[in-house]
Structures are given as C-alpha cells and as structure tokens.
Amino acid sequence: MSRKIALVHDHIQEFGGAERVLVALHKIFPEAPVYTAFFTPKALGIHAKHFKGWNIITSWADRVPFFKRLYSPLRFLAPKVWQSFNFDEYGIVISSSGWYMCKGIVTNSKTTHICYLHHPPRYLYGYETAVEWQKYWPVKIYAHIVNHFLRIWDFETSQKVTHFVANSEETKKRIEKFYRRDSDVIYPPVDIPSRVMLNLFQHPKKILKQVQDDNYYVTTARLAKAKHIDILIHAANKMKFKLKIIGSGRDKALLKSIAGPTVEFLSHIPDEQFESIFKNAKAFLFASVDEEFGIAPVEAMGYGIPVIAYASGGLKEIIQDGKNGYLYDELSDHTLIQTINKFEKLSKEQSESMRKEARKSAEKYSFEVFEKKITSYIHNMQ
C-alpha cells in the first residue's frame, strides 16, 4: 500500500462512535495526517489521550473566535471549510463523515476518495436530532432555508466521492436513498476486552451471582433528545430498578430533574471503573431512534451483557430477539417495562446462555475484523 494516505474527520470535540472509528483508522494508518474542521482537546476530557502525538491539521474555522461554539447555526459555512483543504499530494483520502459532512472535500482525479459514512446528516433528512430546533419558528425558518441549500450541496459532493463504505446495512440504504450511490458495508470496530471472555466462559456461575447481587441496569449515551434517556428513567422510576447512566450532554440537568432515587448519573469515568460497571450489569438498555449502527450496545455485548433496545435502525441488525437480548417495538416506558419483565423471568441457564450469545455476537465487530476488512478493501480497490 504505497500510495500516500490522509484521513479526514468532521471535528474532534467529543468522543463518540465516529471518533472511535477515527482512532481505529489512525491505528491502521499511523503515519496519515488527520484533517478536521476543529480540534478541542479540553472538551475531550479523559479521551484526549487517544489523539496525543497525532499530526492533526485544522481548518481556518478553528482559529475564528466562537466558531466552534456556533458551528451548528453557522453550518452554511461547512462547504467553505472543506473546500479550503488541498489533498493533491495524497493518493488516497479516507473521510470519516457524518453530521458536518467532511465528505465534501475536494480531491483531484488522481486521488481516490473513500468515504466511511456514519450517517447522512440527520437534520437534513428528517431524522431526530439532539436539539428540537423545530419548536422555535424563527430558527425553523432559518434552518429550512439553510438546509435546502445544504441538501443540494450534500448530494452534489456525494457524487464526487470515489467509493462509499457504510457502517451498517441501515446506512447503506440511506446512501442509496439520498445519494443514489451504492456502497459496501464494513461494520465499525468495537473495543471488546479479552478478559471478559475468559471470565464469562470459565466462570459463568460466578458472573451470574455478581449480576444478581448488584441488580442494576446500565446505559451509555450522549444525554440528548434523540437518545430518549427519559424513557429509561421513567421505566426505572416505575419499576424501582437501579439504573446507571454513563454519559454527558446538553439534557443532563433536565434528565436529573425527572430521575428517581434508583437512577445514578456518571460522567467521564476511568476505564477500570467502566469495565467493572459493565461486567456486573444485568443488561444494557437502549432507546435511541434511527441509530445507524450503535457502538454502545455492541460494546456492552462485548462484556457479555444482553441488550434491551428499541427496534429501530441498525439495532435490528445487531440484536437477535430472545437470543442475545430483546427488541421492543414501541417507544414507550410501558413497552420497555414489559420487555424488562420478560427478561427478568429468564432462568439462570437462559440468562447464562444469553450472556454467552451477547459476547459471541460482539466478536464480529472487533478491531481485528475491522482492520482486516479495511485493508483488504483498499488493497482490492487499487
């Protein structure tokens, strides 16, 4: 693989699923520089360590005061951001694209542009977003005007991408629907600890005892509207089960205000504590709508935790109902409670089997599998 490679990512200001993919891509191509709109190490907290020592090249917007905070209302400038970079010296450019549409970069005819698409921008195509901007009519009018032109630009730039790689079959369908382009599916990598595998299969009874003793459920997500954490909280309040919520976001104060005494909020926690919480949880709860893949549920399964998720988007590709978890088909605390009650009625043997299946399912999304498929894809493309 002798052609010079560059990586492009929307912005590095938070650490979610897309950033985990970027870290994996950089691990595969450690010499590749990373081009991005903004880089804010302080905002990353404990996750800033992942980007230490990288050659990160930011756009002009990174040096404009307050632009990083206002990049959402100023998103009409996104085309100017991505058109300001020059990739003429690279043979291959891999864009890790989502909300901020970094796939809109300009490359010459000699450069192969591979777009690893996490999702088309949700705000452009009618999907739920973190902020319910539609309820403010001046913002709604402004957004409709801006989004109209961005949709045109988003479609036009999608035609200039050499190859699309989708992070799930769900995203593949959206690429075909909105861009009229074909794509190949390579699922994103998920951090799966090897120690859990040994504990899970050599000492299942011990693990089950820990789970029953701790008797809590867990979730991890950005605390934003589209994640519907409120449904999980209402279910915990009514059933009085313990729920640990790992994450931060703009809706944290609101969610805390409706949470009962059995709900615990945890923000950025050390890896050791994260592992302990996950390993000893009963199940992972998820209520996100139209999630394109869902790294967090797969990560949970890597710890041998069954997932109870809303049947939406890419989760239907991951969760096999009754085998490695459960899917519920109505977005309400009532339906979630019914599903949790079904889970609670499992025998020890059934619970043990579900945990094993969860771990087995997660192994399909390891870094090793991702690395093999990405490198093979690029090799076969040349």
Protein backbone atom coordinates (compact mmCIF):
# COMPACT_ATOMS: atom_id res chain seq x y z
CA MET A 1 0.00 0.00 0.00
CA SER A 2 2.49 2.60 -1.27
CA ARG A 3 0.08 5.47 -2.02
CA LYS A 4 0.20 8.31 0.49
CA ILE A 5 -2.88 8.35 2.73
CA ALA A 6 -4.70 11.14 4.58
CA LEU A 7 -7.62 10.89 6.99
CA VAL A 8 -10.42 13.46 7.30
CA HIS A 9 -12.92 13.75 10.17
CA ASP A 10 -15.80 16.16 10.80
CA HIS A 11 -14.46 17.65 14.04
CA ILE A 12 -12.72 16.37 17.17
CA GLN A 13 -14.55 17.95 20.09
CA GLU A 14 -16.36 14.98 21.61
CA PHE A 15 -15.73 11.27 21.84
CA GLY A 16 -18.49 9.15 20.39
CA GLY A 17 -18.81 6.29 17.94
CA ALA A 18 -17.46 8.28 14.98
CA GLU A 19 -14.36 9.27 16.93
CA ARG A 20 -13.77 5.64 17.91
CA VAL A 21 -13.73 4.78 14.22
CA LEU A 22 -11.25 7.59 13.58
CA VAL A 23 -8.98 6.24 16.32
CA ALA A 24 -9.14 2.79 14.71
CA LEU A 25 -8.35 4.20 11.26
CA HIS A 26 -5.38 6.07 12.66
CA LYS A 27 -4.18 2.91 14.34
CA ILE A 28 -4.27 1.17 10.95
CA PHE A 29 -2.62 4.15 9.21
CA PRO A 30 -0.46 5.77 11.94
CA GLU A 31 1.54 7.91 9.50
CA ALA A 32 -1.55 9.51 7.99
CA PRO A 33 -2.25 13.14 8.93
CA VAL A 34 -5.76 13.92 10.12
CA TYR A 35 -7.61 16.89 8.61
CA THR A 36 -10.54 18.23 10.62
CA ALA A 37 -12.66 21.35 10.99
CA PHE A 38 -11.97 21.81 14.72
CA PHE A 39 -9.84 20.17 17.37
CA THR A 40 -10.60 20.94 21.03
CA PRO A 41 -8.55 18.69 23.37
CA LYS A 42 -10.01 20.24 26.54
CA ALA A 43 -13.53 19.26 25.51
CA LEU A 44 -12.47 15.61 25.16
CA GLY A 45 -11.66 15.13 28.85
CA ILE A 46 -10.00 11.78 29.56
CA HIS A 47 -10.38 10.82 25.89
CA ALA A 48 -7.86 13.46 24.75
CA LYS A 49 -5.14 10.84 25.31
CA HIS A 50 -6.27 8.99 22.17
CA PHE A 51 -5.14 11.88 19.96
CA LYS A 52 -1.82 12.62 21.64
CA GLY A 53 1.06 12.80 19.16
CA TRP A 54 -1.17 12.84 16.08
CA ASN A 55 -0.49 15.12 13.12
CA ILE A 56 -3.80 17.00 13.21
CA ILE A 57 -4.40 19.74 10.65
CA THR A 58 -7.34 22.02 11.42
CA SER A 59 -9.27 24.34 9.13
CA TRP A 60 -9.31 28.15 9.15
CA ALA A 61 -12.53 27.96 11.17
CA ASP A 62 -10.64 26.51 14.13
CA ARG A 63 -8.88 29.87 14.51
CA VAL A 64 -12.01 32.02 14.34
CA PRO A 65 -13.23 33.05 17.83
CA PHE A 66 -16.52 31.44 18.88
CA PHE A 67 -16.87 29.49 15.59
CA LYS A 68 -16.56 26.16 17.39
CA ARG A 69 -19.46 27.04 19.66
CA LEU A 70 -21.62 28.33 16.83
CA TYR A 71 -20.76 25.81 14.14
CA SER A 72 -24.33 24.43 14.13
CA PRO A 73 -26.10 27.71 13.25
CA LEU A 74 -23.13 28.55 11.01
CA ARG A 75 -23.29 25.22 9.22
CA PHE A 76 -23.94 27.00 5.91
CA LEU A 77 -20.16 27.68 6.01
CA ALA A 78 -19.33 23.94 6.06
CA PRO A 79 -18.70 23.88 2.28
CA LYS A 80 -16.13 26.68 2.69
CA VAL A 81 -14.45 24.74 5.49
CA TRP A 82 -13.96 21.56 3.47
CA GLN A 83 -13.09 23.29 0.22
CA SER A 84 -10.21 25.09 1.93
CA PHE A 85 -8.05 21.94 2.21
CA ASN A 86 -5.69 20.72 -0.51
CA PHE A 87 -5.24 16.95 -0.94
CA ASP A 88 -3.25 16.93 -4.19
CA GLU A 89 -0.25 15.21 -2.57
CA TYR A 90 -2.28 12.18 -1.46
CA GLY A 91 -3.13 9.06 -3.43
CA ILE A 92 -5.90 8.00 -1.03
CA VAL A 93 -8.07 10.13 1.25
CA ILE A 94 -10.39 8.41 3.74
CA SER A 95 -13.11 10.68 5.11
CA SER A 96 -14.92 9.75 8.31
CA SER A 97 -18.10 11.67 7.63
CA GLY A 98 -21.32 12.38 9.48
CA TRP A 99 -23.01 15.50 10.86
CA TYR A 100 -20.53 18.06 9.45
CA MET A 101 -20.22 16.43 6.01
CA CYS A 102 -16.46 16.22 5.65
CA LYS A 103 -17.06 14.05 2.58
CA GLY A 104 -17.47 17.44 0.86
CA ILE A 105 -13.69 17.80 0.50
CA VAL A 106 -12.30 18.49 -2.96
CA THR A 107 -9.86 15.99 -4.48
CA ASN A 108 -8.30 15.78 -7.93
CA SER A 109 -8.81 12.97 -10.44
CA LYS A 110 -5.62 11.20 -9.30
CA THR A 111 -6.75 10.93 -5.68
CA THR A 112 -9.09 8.15 -4.56
CA HIS A 113 -11.63 9.44 -2.04
CA ILE A 114 -13.13 6.72 0.17
CA CYS A 115 -15.93 7.97 2.39
CA TYR A 116 -16.64 5.93 5.51
CA LEU A 117 -20.13 7.25 6.20
CA HIS A 118 -21.50 7.09 9.73
CA HIS A 119 -24.79 8.63 8.58
CA PRO A 120 -26.11 11.29 6.22
CA PRO A 121 -26.74 14.47 8.26
CA ARG A 122 -29.84 13.70 10.29
CA TYR A 123 -31.04 17.32 10.33
CA LEU A 124 -31.13 17.40 6.52
CA TYR A 125 -33.30 14.32 6.04
CA GLY A 126 -35.99 14.40 8.72
CA TYR A 127 -34.38 12.26 11.43
CA GLU A 128 -34.42 13.18 15.11
CA THR A 129 -31.62 15.46 16.25
CA ALA A 130 -30.07 16.33 19.60
CA VAL A 131 -31.85 19.70 19.71
CA GLU A 132 -35.55 20.15 18.99
CA TRP A 133 -34.99 23.29 16.90
CA GLN A 134 -38.31 22.92 15.06
CA LYS A 135 -40.28 24.35 18.01
CA TYR A 136 -38.77 27.83 17.58
CA TRP A 137 -40.34 29.31 14.43
CA PRO A 138 -37.55 31.86 13.61
CA VAL A 139 -34.98 29.05 13.91
CA LYS A 140 -37.23 26.74 11.91
CA ILE A 141 -37.47 29.21 9.04
CA TYR A 142 -33.73 29.88 9.08
CA ALA A 143 -32.90 26.17 9.24
CA HIS A 144 -35.24 25.27 6.37
CA ILE A 145 -33.59 27.84 4.13
CA VAL A 146 -30.04 26.82 5.06
CA ASN A 147 -30.81 23.11 4.95
CA HIS A 148 -32.33 23.39 1.48
CA PHE A 149 -29.05 24.59 0.02
CA LEU A 150 -27.00 22.19 2.14
CA ARG A 151 -29.04 19.25 0.84
CA ILE A 152 -28.19 20.27 -2.70
CA TRP A 153 -24.52 20.61 -1.81
CA ASP A 154 -24.58 17.33 0.15
CA PHE A 155 -25.98 15.48 -2.88
CA GLU A 156 -23.57 17.10 -5.33
CA THR A 157 -20.50 16.30 -3.25
CA SER A 158 -21.68 12.72 -2.74
CA GLN A 159 -21.39 12.23 -6.49
CA LYS A 160 -17.69 13.14 -6.35
CA VAL A 161 -16.80 10.50 -3.74
CA THR A 162 -14.93 7.62 -5.39
CA HIS A 163 -16.20 4.86 -3.09
CA PHE A 164 -18.68 4.81 -0.21
CA VAL A 165 -18.30 2.50 2.79
CA ALA A 166 -21.35 2.30 5.07
CA ASN A 167 -21.17 1.46 8.77
CA SER A 168 -24.30 -0.73 8.54
CA GLU A 169 -26.96 -2.04 6.19
CA GLU A 170 -29.20 0.73 7.51
CA THR A 171 -26.71 3.40 6.40
CA LYS A 172 -26.24 1.61 3.07
CA LYS A 173 -29.99 2.03 2.45
CA ARG A 174 -29.78 5.74 3.28
CA ILE A 175 -26.82 6.24 0.93
CA GLU A 176 -28.85 4.67 -1.84
CA LYS A 177 -31.97 6.67 -0.95
CA PHE A 178 -30.44 10.12 -0.53
CA TYR A 179 -27.32 9.97 -2.74
CA ARG A 180 -28.33 7.32 -5.30
CA ARG A 181 -24.97 5.66 -4.77
CA ASP A 182 -24.01 2.10 -3.99
CA SER A 183 -21.79 1.28 -1.02
CA ASP A 184 -20.05 -1.56 0.76
CA VAL A 185 -20.77 -2.33 4.42
CA ILE A 186 -17.90 -2.57 6.90
CA TYR A 187 -19.13 -2.50 10.48
CA PRO A 188 -17.21 -0.18 12.83
CA PRO A 189 -14.77 -1.60 15.38
CA VAL A 190 -15.82 -2.01 18.98
CA ASP A 191 -13.47 -2.24 21.95
CA ILE A 192 -14.01 -5.75 23.33
CA PRO A 193 -11.96 -6.73 26.40
CA SER A 194 -10.40 -10.19 26.21
CA ARG A 195 -10.50 -10.71 29.98
CA VAL A 196 -14.30 -10.75 29.97
CA MET A 197 -14.24 -13.67 27.56
CA LEU A 198 -12.23 -15.77 29.99
CA ASN A 199 -14.43 -14.85 32.97
CA LEU A 200 -17.63 -15.35 31.06
CA PHE A 201 -16.93 -18.81 29.74
CA GLN A 202 -14.82 -20.28 32.52
CA HIS A 203 -16.78 -18.96 35.50
CA PRO A 204 -20.33 -18.26 34.33
CA LYS A 205 -21.94 -19.05 37.67
CA LYS A 206 -19.68 -16.59 39.46
CA ILE A 207 -20.55 -13.87 36.94
CA LEU A 208 -24.26 -14.58 37.25
CA LYS A 209 -24.03 -14.33 41.02
CA GLN A 210 -22.33 -10.94 40.71
CA VAL A 211 -25.06 -9.76 38.36
CA GLN A 212 -27.84 -10.86 40.67
CA ASP A 213 -26.15 -9.33 43.70
CA ASP A 214 -25.59 -5.96 42.03
CA ASN A 215 -29.04 -6.00 40.42
CA TYR A 216 -28.76 -2.93 38.16
CA TYR A 217 -29.13 -1.99 34.53
CA VAL A 218 -26.80 0.31 32.61
CA THR A 219 -26.81 2.59 29.58
CA THR A 220 -24.26 4.89 27.99
CA ALA A 221 -25.05 7.65 25.52
CA ARG A 222 -24.86 11.35 24.87
CA LEU A 223 -27.57 12.91 27.00
CA ALA A 224 -29.51 14.36 24.08
CA LYS A 225 -33.08 14.25 22.85
CA ALA A 226 -32.65 11.59 20.15
CA LYS A 227 -31.30 9.08 22.69
CA HIS A 228 -34.60 9.09 24.67
CA ILE A 229 -32.92 8.51 28.02
CA ASP A 230 -36.11 9.86 29.63
CA ILE A 231 -37.93 6.63 28.68
CA LEU A 232 -35.32 4.56 30.51
CA ILE A 233 -35.61 6.84 33.56
CA HIS A 234 -39.42 6.61 33.64
CA ALA A 235 -39.17 2.81 33.48
CA ALA A 236 -36.64 2.78 36.34
CA ASN A 237 -38.83 5.12 38.41
CA LYS A 238 -41.90 2.91 37.96
CA MET A 239 -40.17 -0.46 38.43
CA LYS A 240 -37.77 0.82 41.12
CA PHE A 241 -34.79 -0.89 39.48
CA LYS A 242 -31.30 0.55 39.69
CA LEU A 243 -30.13 2.31 36.52
CA LYS A 244 -26.63 3.65 35.94
CA ILE A 245 -26.41 6.26 33.16
CA ILE A 246 -22.94 6.87 31.77
CA GLY A 247 -22.57 9.97 29.64
CA SER A 248 -22.91 13.72 29.45
CA GLY A 249 -24.72 16.20 27.26
CA ARG A 250 -26.99 19.21 26.99
CA ASP A 251 -30.00 17.42 28.56
CA LYS A 252 -28.25 16.26 31.73
CA ALA A 253 -29.92 18.77 34.06
CA LEU A 254 -33.37 18.02 32.64
CA LEU A 255 -32.89 14.27 32.93
CA LYS A 256 -31.63 14.59 36.51
CA SER A 257 -34.74 16.55 37.42
CA ILE A 258 -37.03 13.64 36.43
CA ALA A 259 -34.85 10.86 37.83
CA GLY A 260 -35.88 8.96 40.93
CA PRO A 261 -33.60 7.71 43.74
CA THR A 262 -32.69 4.48 41.91
CA VAL A 263 -31.12 6.37 38.96
CA GLU A 264 -27.42 7.25 39.10
CA PHE A 265 -25.63 9.59 36.66
CA LEU A 266 -21.97 9.02 35.85
CA SER A 267 -19.99 11.26 33.51
CA HIS A 268 -16.45 10.56 32.36
CA ILE A 269 -15.17 7.57 34.32
CA PRO A 270 -11.83 5.71 34.25
CA ASP A 271 -11.55 2.60 32.09
CA GLU A 272 -11.24 0.34 35.13
CA GLN A 273 -14.49 1.60 36.66
CA PHE A 274 -16.23 1.45 33.28
CA GLU A 275 -15.23 -2.21 32.92
CA SER A 276 -16.44 -3.07 36.41
CA ILE A 277 -19.82 -1.38 35.89
CA PHE A 278 -20.41 -3.10 32.58
CA LYS A 279 -19.18 -6.52 33.60
CA ASN A 280 -21.55 -6.67 36.56
CA ALA A 281 -24.69 -5.17 34.99
CA LYS A 282 -27.82 -7.24 34.34
CA ALA A 283 -28.49 -5.78 30.89
CA PHE A 284 -27.88 -2.72 28.73
CA LEU A 285 -30.91 -0.52 27.99
CA PHE A 286 -31.19 1.49 24.77
CA ALA A 287 -33.96 3.72 23.42
CA SER A 288 -32.27 5.63 20.59
CA VAL A 289 -34.30 6.18 17.41
CA ASP A 290 -32.90 5.52 13.92
CA GLU A 291 -29.44 4.74 15.23
CA GLU A 292 -27.36 3.86 12.19
CA PHE A 293 -25.28 1.22 13.98
CA GLY A 294 -24.99 1.58 17.73
CA ILE A 295 -21.45 1.07 19.02
CA ALA A 296 -22.51 1.38 22.67
CA PRO A 297 -24.85 -1.66 22.63
CA VAL A 298 -22.22 -3.78 20.86
CA GLU A 299 -19.60 -2.66 23.37
CA ALA A 300 -21.95 -3.79 26.13
CA MET A 301 -22.34 -7.19 24.48
CA GLY A 302 -18.56 -7.44 24.44
CA TYR A 303 -18.78 -7.58 28.23
CA GLY A 304 -21.34 -10.38 27.97
CA ILE A 305 -24.30 -8.11 28.69
CA PRO A 306 -27.61 -8.71 26.88
CA VAL A 307 -29.09 -5.61 25.23
CA ILE A 308 -32.70 -4.49 25.52
CA ALA A 309 -33.18 -1.97 22.70
CA TYR A 310 -35.84 -0.17 20.72
CA ALA A 311 -36.30 -1.91 17.38
CA SER A 312 -35.06 0.87 15.14
CA GLY A 313 -32.32 1.50 12.58
CA GLY A 314 -29.17 -0.60 12.70
CA LEU A 315 -30.03 -2.18 16.05
CA LYS A 316 -32.24 -4.66 14.17
CA GLU A 317 -29.04 -5.95 12.51
CA ILE A 318 -27.29 -6.45 15.83
CA ILE A 319 -29.89 -7.72 18.32
CA GLN A 320 -31.39 -11.15 17.78
CA ASP A 321 -34.58 -11.03 19.79
CA GLY A 322 -34.54 -13.59 22.60
CA LYS A 323 -31.01 -14.75 21.76
CA ASN A 324 -28.51 -12.02 22.68
CA GLY A 325 -31.08 -9.56 24.01
CA TYR A 326 -34.57 -8.23 23.34
CA LEU A 327 -36.10 -5.69 20.97
CA TYR A 328 -39.22 -3.71 21.88
CA ASP A 329 -41.29 -2.22 19.07
CA GLU A 330 -42.98 0.78 20.72
CA LEU A 331 -41.04 3.75 22.04
CA SER A 332 -42.63 3.98 25.48
CA ASP A 333 -41.73 3.17 29.06
CA HIS A 334 -44.76 0.83 29.17
CA THR A 335 -43.42 -1.37 26.37
CA LEU A 336 -39.89 -1.22 27.78
CA ILE A 337 -41.18 -2.36 31.17
CA GLN A 338 -42.98 -5.29 29.54
CA THR A 339 -39.75 -6.32 27.84
CA ILE A 340 -37.71 -5.98 31.04
CA ASN A 341 -40.27 -8.14 32.84
CA LYS A 342 -39.80 -10.79 30.14
CA PHE A 343 -36.04 -10.59 30.67
CA GLU A 344 -36.41 -10.83 34.46
CA LYS A 345 -38.31 -14.12 34.10
CA LEU A 346 -35.38 -15.90 32.43
CA SER A 347 -33.94 -18.84 34.31
CA LYS A 348 -30.27 -18.84 35.34
CA GLU A 349 -29.47 -21.19 32.48
CA GLN A 350 -31.30 -18.97 29.95
CA SER A 351 -29.62 -15.86 31.31
CA GLU A 352 -26.21 -17.53 31.10
CA SER A 353 -26.89 -18.57 27.50
CA MET A 354 -27.97 -15.04 26.55
CA ARG A 355 -24.79 -13.57 28.02
CA LYS A 356 -22.68 -16.03 26.04
CA GLU A 357 -24.54 -15.20 22.85
CA ALA A 358 -24.10 -11.48 23.51
CA ARG A 359 -20.34 -11.90 23.80
CA LYS A 360 -20.22 -14.12 20.72
CA SER A 361 -22.18 -11.55 18.69
CA ALA A 362 -19.84 -8.73 19.72
CA GLU A 363 -16.77 -10.58 18.47
CA LYS A 364 -17.89 -9.95 14.87
CA TYR A 365 -17.18 -6.26 15.45
CA SER A 366 -13.64 -6.43 16.83
CA PHE A 367 -10.82 -4.12 15.76
CA GLU A 368 -9.03 -7.06 14.16
CA VAL A 369 -12.03 -7.78 11.91
CA PHE A 370 -12.33 -4.08 11.03
CA GLU A 371 -8.62 -3.75 10.23
CA LYS A 372 -8.67 -6.82 8.01
CA LYS A 373 -11.70 -5.63 6.06
CA ILE A 374 -10.49 -2.03 5.63
CA THR A 375 -7.01 -3.01 4.45
CA SER A 376 -8.44 -5.68 2.15
CA TYR A 377 -10.92 -3.18 0.75
CA ILE A 378 -8.20 -0.65 -0.10
CA HIS A 379 -5.88 -3.33 -1.49
CA ASN A 380 -8.59 -4.72 -3.81
CA MET A 381 -9.57 -1.23 -4.89
CA GLN A 382 -6.11 -0.42 -6.28
